Amino acid sequence: MTKTPKEKKQSDAFVDAARAIGCDESEERFDEALKKVAKHKPPKDSEEGAAKSQPTQSKDDR
């Protein structure tokens, strides 16, 4: 499907705005941003966490 001139102009404006605020398609920059957001390691399995992950029995299974 071919874009109309208005749609193309709007998408170009979006790309320009994204670049103006520092967005790009660089994998390295993405990894840097991800590290800022995902700083913490997931918690180790504890007794409480392991118990929650175990399937519970329904009344029919007993």
PDB file of N, CA and C in Angstrom:
ATOM      1  N   MET A   1       0.840  -1.178   0.000  1.00  0.00           N
ATOM      2  CA  MET A   1       0.000   0.000   0.000  1.00  0.00           C
ATOM      3  C   MET A   1       0.887   1.243   0.000  1.00  0.00           C
ATOM      4  N   THR A   2       0.628   2.130  -0.899  1.00  0.00           N
ATOM      5  CA  THR A   2       1.420   3.338  -1.038  1.00  0.00           C
ATOM      6  C   THR A   2       0.911   4.413  -0.083  1.00  0.00           C
ATOM      7  N   LYS A   3       1.844   5.095   0.564  1.00  0.00           N
ATOM      8  CA  LYS A   3       1.470   6.172   1.476  1.00  0.00           C
ATOM      9  C   LYS A   3       1.055   7.400   0.693  1.00  0.00           C
ATOM     10  N   THR A   4       0.057   8.079   1.208  1.00  0.00           N
ATOM     11  CA  THR A   4      -0.339   9.352   0.612  1.00  0.00           C
ATOM     12  C   THR A   4       0.680  10.396   1.039  1.00  0.00           C
ATOM     13  N   PRO A   5       0.746  11.519   0.333  1.00  0.00           N
ATOM     14  CA  PRO A   5       1.710  12.558   0.733  1.00  0.00           C
ATOM     15  C   PRO A   5       1.531  13.018   2.173  1.00  0.00           C
ATOM     16  N   LYS A   6       0.282  13.094   2.644  1.00  0.00           N
ATOM     17  CA  LYS A   6       0.040  13.525   4.022  1.00  0.00           C
ATOM     18  C   LYS A   6       0.590  12.499   5.007  1.00  0.00           C
ATOM     19  N   GLU A   7       0.361  11.192   4.749  1.00  0.00           N
ATOM     20  CA  GLU A   7       0.862  10.143   5.635  1.00  0.00           C
ATOM     21  C   GLU A   7       2.388  10.122   5.653  1.00  0.00           C
ATOM     22  N   LYS A   8       2.984  10.294   4.504  1.00  0.00           N
ATOM     23  CA  LYS A   8       4.440  10.297   4.433  1.00  0.00           C
ATOM     24  C   LYS A   8       4.989  11.497   5.193  1.00  0.00           C
ATOM     25  N   LYS A   9       4.376  12.629   5.041  1.00  0.00           N
ATOM     26  CA  LYS A   9       4.824  13.827   5.728  1.00  0.00           C
ATOM     27  C   LYS A   9       4.701  13.653   7.242  1.00  0.00           C
ATOM     28  N   GLN A  10       3.608  13.046   7.716  1.00  0.00           N
ATOM     29  CA  GLN A  10       3.409  12.825   9.142  1.00  0.00           C
ATOM     30  C   GLN A  10       4.455  11.855   9.688  1.00  0.00           C
ATOM     31  N   SER A  11       4.736  10.788   8.953  1.00  0.00           N
ATOM     32  CA  SER A  11       5.730   9.837   9.427  1.00  0.00           C
ATOM     33  C   SER A  11       7.127  10.454   9.440  1.00  0.00           C
ATOM     34  N   ASP A  12       7.419  11.293   8.450  1.00  0.00           N
ATOM     35  CA  ASP A  12       8.710  11.989   8.434  1.00  0.00           C
ATOM     36  C   ASP A  12       8.833  12.921   9.636  1.00  0.00           C
ATOM     37  N   ALA A  13       7.733  13.578   9.989  1.00  0.00           N
ATOM     38  CA  ALA A  13       7.737  14.476  11.142  1.00  0.00           C
ATOM     39  C   ALA A  13       7.972  13.680  12.425  1.00  0.00           C
ATOM     40  N   PHE A  14       7.382  12.491  12.509  1.00  0.00           N
ATOM     41  CA  PHE A  14       7.588  11.632  13.676  1.00  0.00           C
ATOM     42  C   PHE A  14       9.052  11.224  13.791  1.00  0.00           C
ATOM     43  N   VAL A  15       9.642  10.802  12.702  1.00  0.00           N
ATOM     44  CA  VAL A  15      11.052  10.393  12.701  1.00  0.00           C
ATOM     45  C   VAL A  15      11.933  11.568  13.109  1.00  0.00           C
ATOM     46  N   ASP A  16      11.643  12.737  12.573  1.00  0.00           N
ATOM     47  CA  ASP A  16      12.430  13.928  12.923  1.00  0.00           C
ATOM     48  C   ASP A  16      12.301  14.247  14.410  1.00  0.00           C
ATOM     49  N   ALA A  17      11.080  14.148  14.951  1.00  0.00           N
ATOM     50  CA  ALA A  17      10.861  14.436  16.368  1.00  0.00           C
ATOM     51  C   ALA A  17      11.590  13.411  17.238  1.00  0.00           C
ATOM     52  N   ALA A  18      11.552  12.151  16.843  1.00  0.00           N
ATOM     53  CA  ALA A  18      12.241  11.109  17.601  1.00  0.00           C
ATOM     54  C   ALA A  18      13.747  11.360  17.611  1.00  0.00           C
ATOM     55  N   ARG A  19      14.281  11.734  16.486  1.00  0.00           N
ATOM     56  CA  ARG A  19      15.724  12.026  16.429  1.00  0.00           C
ATOM     57  C   ARG A  19      16.072  13.247  17.268  1.00  0.00           C
ATOM     58  N   ALA A  20      15.175  14.235  17.302  1.00  0.00           N
ATOM     59  CA  ALA A  20      15.424  15.465  18.055  1.00  0.00           C
ATOM     60  C   ALA A  20      15.535  15.193  19.552  1.00  0.00           C
ATOM     61  N   ILE A  21      14.818  14.181  20.055  1.00  0.00           N
ATOM     62  CA  ILE A  21      14.904  13.868  21.488  1.00  0.00           C
ATOM     63  C   ILE A  21      15.921  12.778  21.787  1.00  0.00           C
ATOM     64  N   GLY A  22      16.680  12.375  20.767  1.00  0.00           N
ATOM     65  CA  GLY A  22      17.787  11.464  20.991  1.00  0.00           C
ATOM     66  C   GLY A  22      17.520  10.006  20.680  1.00  0.00           C
ATOM     67  N   CYS A  23      16.417   9.704  20.039  1.00  0.00           N
ATOM     68  CA  CYS A  23      16.131   8.317  19.662  1.00  0.00           C
ATOM     69  C   CYS A  23      16.900   7.969  18.394  1.00  0.00           C
ATOM     70  N   ASP A  24      17.364   6.732  18.336  1.00  0.00           N
ATOM     71  CA  ASP A  24      17.986   6.249  17.109  1.00  0.00           C
ATOM     72  C   ASP A  24      17.849   4.730  17.070  1.00  0.00           C
ATOM     73  N   GLU A  25      18.384   4.109  16.049  1.00  0.00           N
ATOM     74  CA  GLU A  25      18.269   2.667  15.888  1.00  0.00           C
ATOM     75  C   GLU A  25      19.562   1.944  16.252  1.00  0.00           C
ATOM     76  N   SER A  26      20.428   2.596  16.993  1.00  0.00           N
ATOM     77  CA  SER A  26      21.705   2.019  17.373  1.00  0.00           C
ATOM     78  C   SER A  26      21.521   0.958  18.454  1.00  0.00           C
ATOM     79  N   GLU A  27      22.023  -0.235  18.209  1.00  0.00           N
ATOM     80  CA  GLU A  27      21.928  -1.313  19.197  1.00  0.00           C
ATOM     81  C   GLU A  27      22.727  -0.972  20.456  1.00  0.00           C
ATOM     82  N   GLU A  28      23.842  -0.304  20.287  1.00  0.00           N
ATOM     83  CA  GLU A  28      24.670   0.065  21.433  1.00  0.00           C
ATOM     84  C   GLU A  28      23.931   1.042  22.347  1.00  0.00           C
ATOM     85  N   ARG A  29      23.289   2.034  21.772  1.00  0.00           N
ATOM     86  CA  ARG A  29      22.538   3.010  22.584  1.00  0.00           C
ATOM     87  C   ARG A  29      21.355   2.348  23.258  1.00  0.00           C
ATOM     88  N   PHE A  30      20.718   1.391  22.562  1.00  0.00           N
ATOM     89  CA  PHE A  30      19.613   0.660  23.168  1.00  0.00           C
ATOM     90  C   PHE A  30      20.106  -0.117  24.390  1.00  0.00           C
ATOM     91  N   ASP A  31      21.232  -0.808  24.241  1.00  0.00           N
ATOM     92  CA  ASP A  31      21.779  -1.576  25.355  1.00  0.00           C
ATOM     93  C   ASP A  31      22.117  -0.679  26.541  1.00  0.00           C
ATOM     94  N   GLU A  32      22.666   0.501  26.277  1.00  0.00           N
ATOM     95  CA  GLU A  32      22.983   1.448  27.349  1.00  0.00           C
ATOM     96  C   GLU A  32      21.707   1.880  28.075  1.00  0.00           C
ATOM     97  N   ALA A  33      20.664   2.194  27.320  1.00  0.00           N
ATOM     98  CA  ALA A  33      19.397   2.613  27.921  1.00  0.00           C
ATOM     99  C   ALA A  33      18.768   1.470  28.710  1.00  0.00           C
ATOM    100  N   LEU A  34      18.856   0.266  28.192  1.00  0.00           N
ATOM    101  CA  LEU A  34      18.295  -0.890  28.874  1.00  0.00           C
ATOM    102  C   LEU A  34      18.991  -1.127  30.203  1.00  0.00           C
ATOM    103  N   LYS A  35      20.289  -0.952  30.235  1.00  0.00           N
ATOM    104  CA  LYS A  35      21.034  -1.138  31.478  1.00  0.00           C
ATOM    105  C   LYS A  35      20.612  -0.124  32.534  1.00  0.00           C
ATOM    106  N   LYS A  36      20.227   1.066  32.122  1.00  0.00           N
ATOM    107  CA  LYS A  36      19.766   2.073  33.072  1.00  0.00           C
ATOM    108  C   LYS A  36      18.423   1.674  33.675  1.00  0.00           C
ATOM    109  N   VAL A  37      17.588   1.038  32.887  1.00  0.00           N
ATOM    110  CA  VAL A  37      16.259   0.656  33.352  1.00  0.00           C
ATOM    111  C   VAL A  37      16.303  -0.655  34.124  1.00  0.00           C
ATOM    112  N   ALA A  38      17.057  -1.615  33.641  1.00  0.00           N
ATOM    113  CA  ALA A  38      17.098  -2.951  34.229  1.00  0.00           C
ATOM    114  C   ALA A  38      18.390  -3.148  35.006  1.00  0.00           C
ATOM    115  N   LYS A  39      18.526  -2.429  36.096  1.00  0.00           N
ATOM    116  CA  LYS A  39      19.760  -2.497  36.880  1.00  0.00           C
ATOM    117  C   LYS A  39      19.805  -3.705  37.799  1.00  0.00           C
ATOM    118  N   HIS A  40      18.665  -4.164  38.274  1.00  0.00           N
ATOM    119  CA  HIS A  40      18.641  -5.190  39.305  1.00  0.00           C
ATOM    120  C   HIS A  40      18.503  -6.585  38.720  1.00  0.00           C
ATOM    121  N   LYS A  41      19.201  -7.508  39.357  1.00  0.00           N
ATOM    122  CA  LYS A  41      19.086  -8.901  38.968  1.00  0.00           C
ATOM    123  C   LYS A  41      17.799  -9.457  39.586  1.00  0.00           C
ATOM    124  N   PRO A  42      17.201 -10.444  38.958  1.00  0.00           N
ATOM    125  CA  PRO A  42      16.008 -11.040  39.560  1.00  0.00           C
ATOM    126  C   PRO A  42      16.358 -11.701  40.891  1.00  0.00           C
ATOM    127  N   PRO A  43      15.437 -11.706  41.846  1.00  0.00           N
ATOM    128  CA  PRO A  43      15.741 -12.308  43.144  1.00  0.00           C
ATOM    129  C   PRO A  43      15.983 -13.806  43.010  1.00  0.00           C
ATOM    130  N   LYS A  44      16.856 -14.316  43.857  1.00  0.00           N
ATOM    131  CA  LYS A  44      17.118 -15.754  43.863  1.00  0.00           C
ATOM    132  C   LYS A  44      15.883 -16.462  44.406  1.00  0.00           C
ATOM    133  N   ASP A  45      15.712 -17.704  44.005  1.00  0.00           N
ATOM    134  CA  ASP A  45      14.576 -18.476  44.504  1.00  0.00           C
ATOM    135  C   ASP A  45      14.689 -18.613  46.016  1.00  0.00           C
ATOM    136  N   SER A  46      13.666 -18.211  46.692  1.00  0.00           N
ATOM    137  CA  SER A  46      13.614 -18.385  48.135  1.00  0.00           C
ATOM    138  C   SER A  46      12.527 -19.409  48.430  1.00  0.00           C
ATOM    139  N   GLU A  47      12.400 -19.770  49.684  1.00  0.00           N
ATOM    140  CA  GLU A  47      11.360 -20.738  50.035  1.00  0.00           C
ATOM    141  C   GLU A  47       9.997 -20.203  49.646  1.00  0.00           C
ATOM    142  N   GLU A  48       9.780 -18.929  49.907  1.00  0.00           N
ATOM    143  CA  GLU A  48       8.490 -18.320  49.580  1.00  0.00           C
ATOM    144  C   GLU A  48       8.264 -18.309  48.074  1.00  0.00           C
ATOM    145  N   GLY A  49       9.294 -17.907  47.323  1.00  0.00           N
ATOM    146  CA  GLY A  49       9.169 -17.858  45.874  1.00  0.00           C
ATOM    147  C   GLY A  49       8.996 -19.234  45.268  1.00  0.00           C
ATOM    148  N   ALA A  50       9.696 -20.232  45.816  1.00  0.00           N
ATOM    149  CA  ALA A  50       9.581 -21.593  45.298  1.00  0.00           C
ATOM    150  C   ALA A  50       8.189 -22.151  45.587  1.00  0.00           C
ATOM    151  N   ALA A  51       7.634 -21.825  46.748  1.00  0.00           N
ATOM    152  CA  ALA A  51       6.303 -22.317  47.093  1.00  0.00           C
ATOM    153  C   ALA A  51       5.251 -21.709  46.170  1.00  0.00           C
ATOM    154  N   LYS A  52       5.429 -20.468  45.815  1.00  0.00           N
ATOM    155  CA  LYS A  52       4.466 -19.813  44.923  1.00  0.00           C
ATOM    156  C   LYS A  52       4.521 -20.395  43.524  1.00  0.00           C
ATOM    157  N   SER A  53       5.683 -20.870  43.109  1.00  0.00           N
ATOM    158  CA  SER A  53       5.804 -21.376  41.755  1.00  0.00           C
ATOM    159  C   SER A  53       5.311 -22.812  41.618  1.00  0.00           C
ATOM    160  N   GLN A  54       5.083 -23.497  42.744  1.00  0.00           N
ATOM    161  CA  GLN A  54       4.595 -24.867  42.713  1.00  0.00           C
ATOM    162  C   GLN A  54       3.113 -24.855  42.345  1.00  0.00           C
ATOM    163  N   PRO A  55       2.684 -25.772  41.504  1.00  0.00           N
ATOM    164  CA  PRO A  55       1.263 -25.818  41.160  1.00  0.00           C
ATOM    165  C   PRO A  55       0.426 -26.206  42.376  1.00  0.00           C
ATOM    166  N   THR A  56      -0.736 -25.624  42.475  1.00  0.00           N
ATOM    167  CA  THR A  56      -1.619 -25.964  43.582  1.00  0.00           C
ATOM    168  C   THR A  56      -2.589 -27.040  43.130  1.00  0.00           C
ATOM    169  N   GLN A  57      -3.025 -27.824  44.087  1.00  0.00           N
ATOM    170  CA  GLN A  57      -3.960 -28.879  43.777  1.00  0.00           C
ATOM    171  C   GLN A  57      -5.385 -28.337  43.853  1.00  0.00           C
ATOM    172  N   SER A  58      -6.168 -28.729  42.897  1.00  0.00           N
ATOM    173  CA  SER A  58      -7.574 -28.348  42.942  1.00  0.00           C
ATOM    174  C   SER A  58      -8.325 -29.389  43.755  1.00  0.00           C
ATOM    175  N   LYS A  59      -9.560 -29.126  44.097  1.00  0.00           N
ATOM    176  CA  LYS A  59     -10.370 -30.063  44.859  1.00  0.00           C
ATOM    177  C   LYS A  59     -10.519 -31.377  44.116  1.00  0.00           C
ATOM    178  N   ASP A  60     -10.553 -31.343  42.804  1.00  0.00           N
ATOM    179  CA  ASP A  60     -10.727 -32.543  42.004  1.00  0.00           C
ATOM    180  C   ASP A  60      -9.493 -33.438  42.027  1.00  0.00           C
ATOM    181  N   ASP A  61      -8.311 -32.861  42.226  1.00  0.00           N
ATOM    182  CA  ASP A  61      -7.068 -33.620  42.216  1.00  0.00           C
ATOM    183  C   ASP A  61      -6.795 -34.344  43.520  1.00  0.00           C
ATOM    184  N   ARG A  62      -7.489 -33.991  44.580  1.00  0.00           N
ATOM    185  CA  ARG A  62      -7.220 -34.560  45.905  1.00  0.00           C
ATOM    186  C   ARG A  62      -7.794 -35.898  46.071  1.00  0.00           C
TER     187      ARG A  62
END
